[in-house]
């Protein structure tokens, strides 16, 4: 957070919703193509391959055109290749 963005954040606070839920189940209840941002932090580091695939299936299904996913991981360079289906990962651009 930067001081110069404080007013923008305050002016748009009504657009923020906080949910305490299992992310896979939360996304499964959403319509396809309705989410434009995903923030995962390090949650994936602790997931099994099955859970990672379930998560990325829902992320991919619910992602709108141009959606972005950000996450951090202890794995280098990434924990996804070899654990998440290539057909899912191939649908994303990496920058």
C-alpha atoms as a PDB file:
ATOM      1  CA  UNK A   1       0.000   0.000   0.000  1.00  0.00           C
ATOM      2  CA  UNK A   2       1.168   3.449  -0.847  1.00  0.00           C
ATOM      3  CA  UNK A   3      -0.006   6.735   0.658  1.00  0.00           C
ATOM      4  CA  UNK A   4      -0.891   8.120  -2.782  1.00  0.00           C
ATOM      5  CA  UNK A   5      -3.432   5.297  -3.282  1.00  0.00           C
ATOM      6  CA  UNK A   6      -5.237   5.767   0.034  1.00  0.00           C
ATOM      7  CA  UNK A   7      -8.023   7.994  -1.330  1.00  0.00           C
ATOM      8  CA  UNK A   8      -8.708   5.598  -4.219  1.00  0.00           C
ATOM      9  CA  UNK A   9      -8.972   2.683  -1.803  1.00  0.00           C
ATOM     10  CA  UNK A  10     -11.303   4.587   0.529  1.00  0.00           C
ATOM     11  CA  UNK A  11     -13.466   5.757  -2.372  1.00  0.00           C
ATOM     12  CA  UNK A  12     -13.907   2.174  -3.599  1.00  0.00           C
ATOM     13  CA  UNK A  13     -14.221   0.284  -0.310  1.00  0.00           C
ATOM     14  CA  UNK A  14     -17.822  -0.623  -1.149  1.00  0.00           C
ATOM     15  CA  UNK A  15     -16.469  -2.809  -3.973  1.00  0.00           C
ATOM     16  CA  UNK A  16     -14.603  -5.086  -1.547  1.00  0.00           C
ATOM     17  CA  UNK A  17     -16.181  -8.221  -0.103  1.00  0.00           C
ATOM     18  CA  UNK A  18     -14.465 -10.440   2.447  1.00  0.00           C
ATOM     19  CA  UNK A  19     -15.233 -14.158   2.443  1.00  0.00           C
ATOM     20  CA  UNK A  20     -13.967 -16.751   4.915  1.00  0.00           C
ATOM     21  CA  UNK A  21     -14.396 -19.910   2.876  1.00  0.00           C
ATOM     22  CA  UNK A  22     -12.693 -22.790   1.129  1.00  0.00           C
ATOM     23  CA  UNK A  23     -11.567 -21.174  -2.131  1.00  0.00           C
ATOM     24  CA  UNK A  24     -12.291 -24.211  -4.301  1.00  0.00           C
ATOM     25  CA  UNK A  25     -15.868 -24.429  -3.000  1.00  0.00           C
ATOM     26  CA  UNK A  26     -16.288 -20.659  -3.201  1.00  0.00           C
ATOM     27  CA  UNK A  27     -15.238 -20.583  -6.849  1.00  0.00           C
ATOM     28  CA  UNK A  28     -17.328 -23.672  -7.675  1.00  0.00           C
ATOM     29  CA  UNK A  29     -20.426 -21.674  -6.707  1.00  0.00           C
ATOM     30  CA  UNK A  30     -19.509 -18.834  -9.108  1.00  0.00           C
ATOM     31  CA  UNK A  31     -20.577 -18.560 -12.728  1.00  0.00           C
ATOM     32  CA  UNK A  32     -17.968 -19.135 -15.428  1.00  0.00           C
ATOM     33  CA  UNK A  33     -15.967 -16.104 -16.503  1.00  0.00           C
ATOM     34  CA  UNK A  34     -16.990 -13.871 -13.604  1.00  0.00           C
ATOM     35  CA  UNK A  35     -13.737 -13.329 -11.671  1.00  0.00           C
ATOM     36  CA  UNK A  36     -10.993 -11.008 -12.877  1.00  0.00           C
ATOM     37  CA  UNK A  37      -8.430 -11.196 -10.046  1.00  0.00           C
ATOM     38  CA  UNK A  38      -7.128 -14.019  -7.855  1.00  0.00           C
ATOM     39  CA  UNK A  39      -4.661 -13.613  -4.960  1.00  0.00           C
ATOM     40  CA  UNK A  40      -3.390 -16.890  -3.504  1.00  0.00           C
ATOM     41  CA  UNK A  41      -0.280 -15.979  -1.479  1.00  0.00           C
ATOM     42  CA  UNK A  42       1.390 -19.230  -0.335  1.00  0.00           C
ATOM     43  CA  UNK A  43      -1.701 -21.439   0.076  1.00  0.00           C
ATOM     44  CA  UNK A  44      -0.648 -23.683  -2.811  1.00  0.00           C
ATOM     45  CA  UNK A  45       2.560 -24.727  -1.038  1.00  0.00           C
ATOM     46  CA  UNK A  46       0.495 -26.858   1.310  1.00  0.00           C
ATOM     47  CA  UNK A  47      -1.861 -28.440  -1.241  1.00  0.00           C
ATOM     48  CA  UNK A  48      -1.772 -31.940  -2.661  1.00  0.00           C
ATOM     49  CA  UNK A  49      -1.629 -32.356  -6.429  1.00  0.00           C
ATOM     50  CA  UNK A  50      -5.353 -33.226  -6.450  1.00  0.00           C
ATOM     51  CA  UNK A  51      -6.213 -30.028  -4.571  1.00  0.00           C
ATOM     52  CA  UNK A  52      -3.971 -27.938  -6.835  1.00  0.00           C
ATOM     53  CA  UNK A  53      -5.719 -29.341  -9.905  1.00  0.00           C
ATOM     54  CA  UNK A  54      -9.154 -28.735  -8.372  1.00  0.00           C
ATOM     55  CA  UNK A  55      -8.174 -25.157  -7.508  1.00  0.00           C
ATOM     56  CA  UNK A  56      -6.757 -24.380 -10.954  1.00  0.00           C
ATOM     57  CA  UNK A  57      -9.755 -26.005 -12.634  1.00  0.00           C
ATOM     58  CA  UNK A  58     -12.022 -23.566 -10.789  1.00  0.00           C
ATOM     59  CA  UNK A  59      -9.711 -20.603 -11.318  1.00  0.00           C
ATOM     60  CA  UNK A  60      -9.584 -21.325 -15.044  1.00  0.00           C
ATOM     61  CA  UNK A  61     -13.349 -21.868 -15.282  1.00  0.00           C
ATOM     62  CA  UNK A  62     -14.286 -18.716 -13.385  1.00  0.00           C
ATOM     63  CA  UNK A  63     -11.604 -16.447 -14.866  1.00  0.00           C
ATOM     64  CA  UNK A  64     -12.856 -13.680 -17.118  1.00  0.00           C
ATOM     65  CA  UNK A  65     -10.957 -12.745 -20.268  1.00  0.00           C
ATOM     66  CA  UNK A  66      -7.761 -11.010 -19.167  1.00  0.00           C
ATOM     67  CA  UNK A  67      -8.024 -12.238 -15.563  1.00  0.00           C
ATOM     68  CA  UNK A  68      -4.873 -12.151 -13.448  1.00  0.00           C
ATOM     69  CA  UNK A  69      -3.594 -14.543 -10.812  1.00  0.00           C
ATOM     70  CA  UNK A  70      -0.870 -13.576  -8.366  1.00  0.00           C
ATOM     71  CA  UNK A  71       0.684 -15.877  -5.822  1.00  0.00           C
ATOM     72  CA  UNK A  72       3.869 -16.415  -3.921  1.00  0.00           C
ATOM     73  CA  UNK A  73       5.524 -19.736  -3.266  1.00  0.00           C
ATOM     74  CA  UNK A  74       8.574 -21.147  -1.548  1.00  0.00           C
ATOM     75  CA  UNK A  75       9.091 -23.380  -4.597  1.00  0.00           C
ATOM     76  CA  UNK A  76      11.537 -22.223  -7.249  1.00  0.00           C
ATOM     77  CA  UNK A  77      10.807 -21.275  -9.919  1.00  0.00           C
ATOM     78  CA  UNK A  78       7.187 -22.475  -9.557  1.00  0.00           C
ATOM     79  CA  UNK A  79       5.384 -25.361  -7.941  1.00  0.00           C
ATOM     80  CA  UNK A  80       2.763 -25.714 -10.686  1.00  0.00           C
ATOM     81  CA  UNK A  81       4.532 -27.471 -13.607  1.00  0.00           C
ATOM     82  CA  UNK A  82       4.514 -31.216 -13.071  1.00  0.00           C
ATOM     83  CA  UNK A  83       1.804 -30.993 -10.434  1.00  0.00           C
ATOM     84  CA  UNK A  84      -1.035 -29.178 -12.212  1.00  0.00           C
ATOM     85  CA  UNK A  85      -2.387 -30.485 -15.505  1.00  0.00           C
ATOM     86  CA  UNK A  86      -0.584 -29.058 -18.511  1.00  0.00           C
ATOM     87  CA  UNK A  87      -3.930 -28.519 -20.237  1.00  0.00           C
ATOM     88  CA  UNK A  88      -4.891 -26.124 -17.421  1.00  0.00           C
ATOM     89  CA  UNK A  89      -1.558 -24.327 -17.285  1.00  0.00           C
ATOM     90  CA  UNK A  90      -1.464 -23.920 -21.075  1.00  0.00           C
ATOM     91  CA  UNK A  91      -4.528 -21.674 -20.827  1.00  0.00           C
ATOM     92  CA  UNK A  92      -2.531 -19.057 -18.912  1.00  0.00           C
ATOM     93  CA  UNK A  93       0.170 -16.589 -19.977  1.00  0.00           C
ATOM     94  CA  UNK A  94       3.096 -16.135 -17.601  1.00  0.00           C
ATOM     95  CA  UNK A  95       4.706 -12.729 -17.186  1.00  0.00           C
END
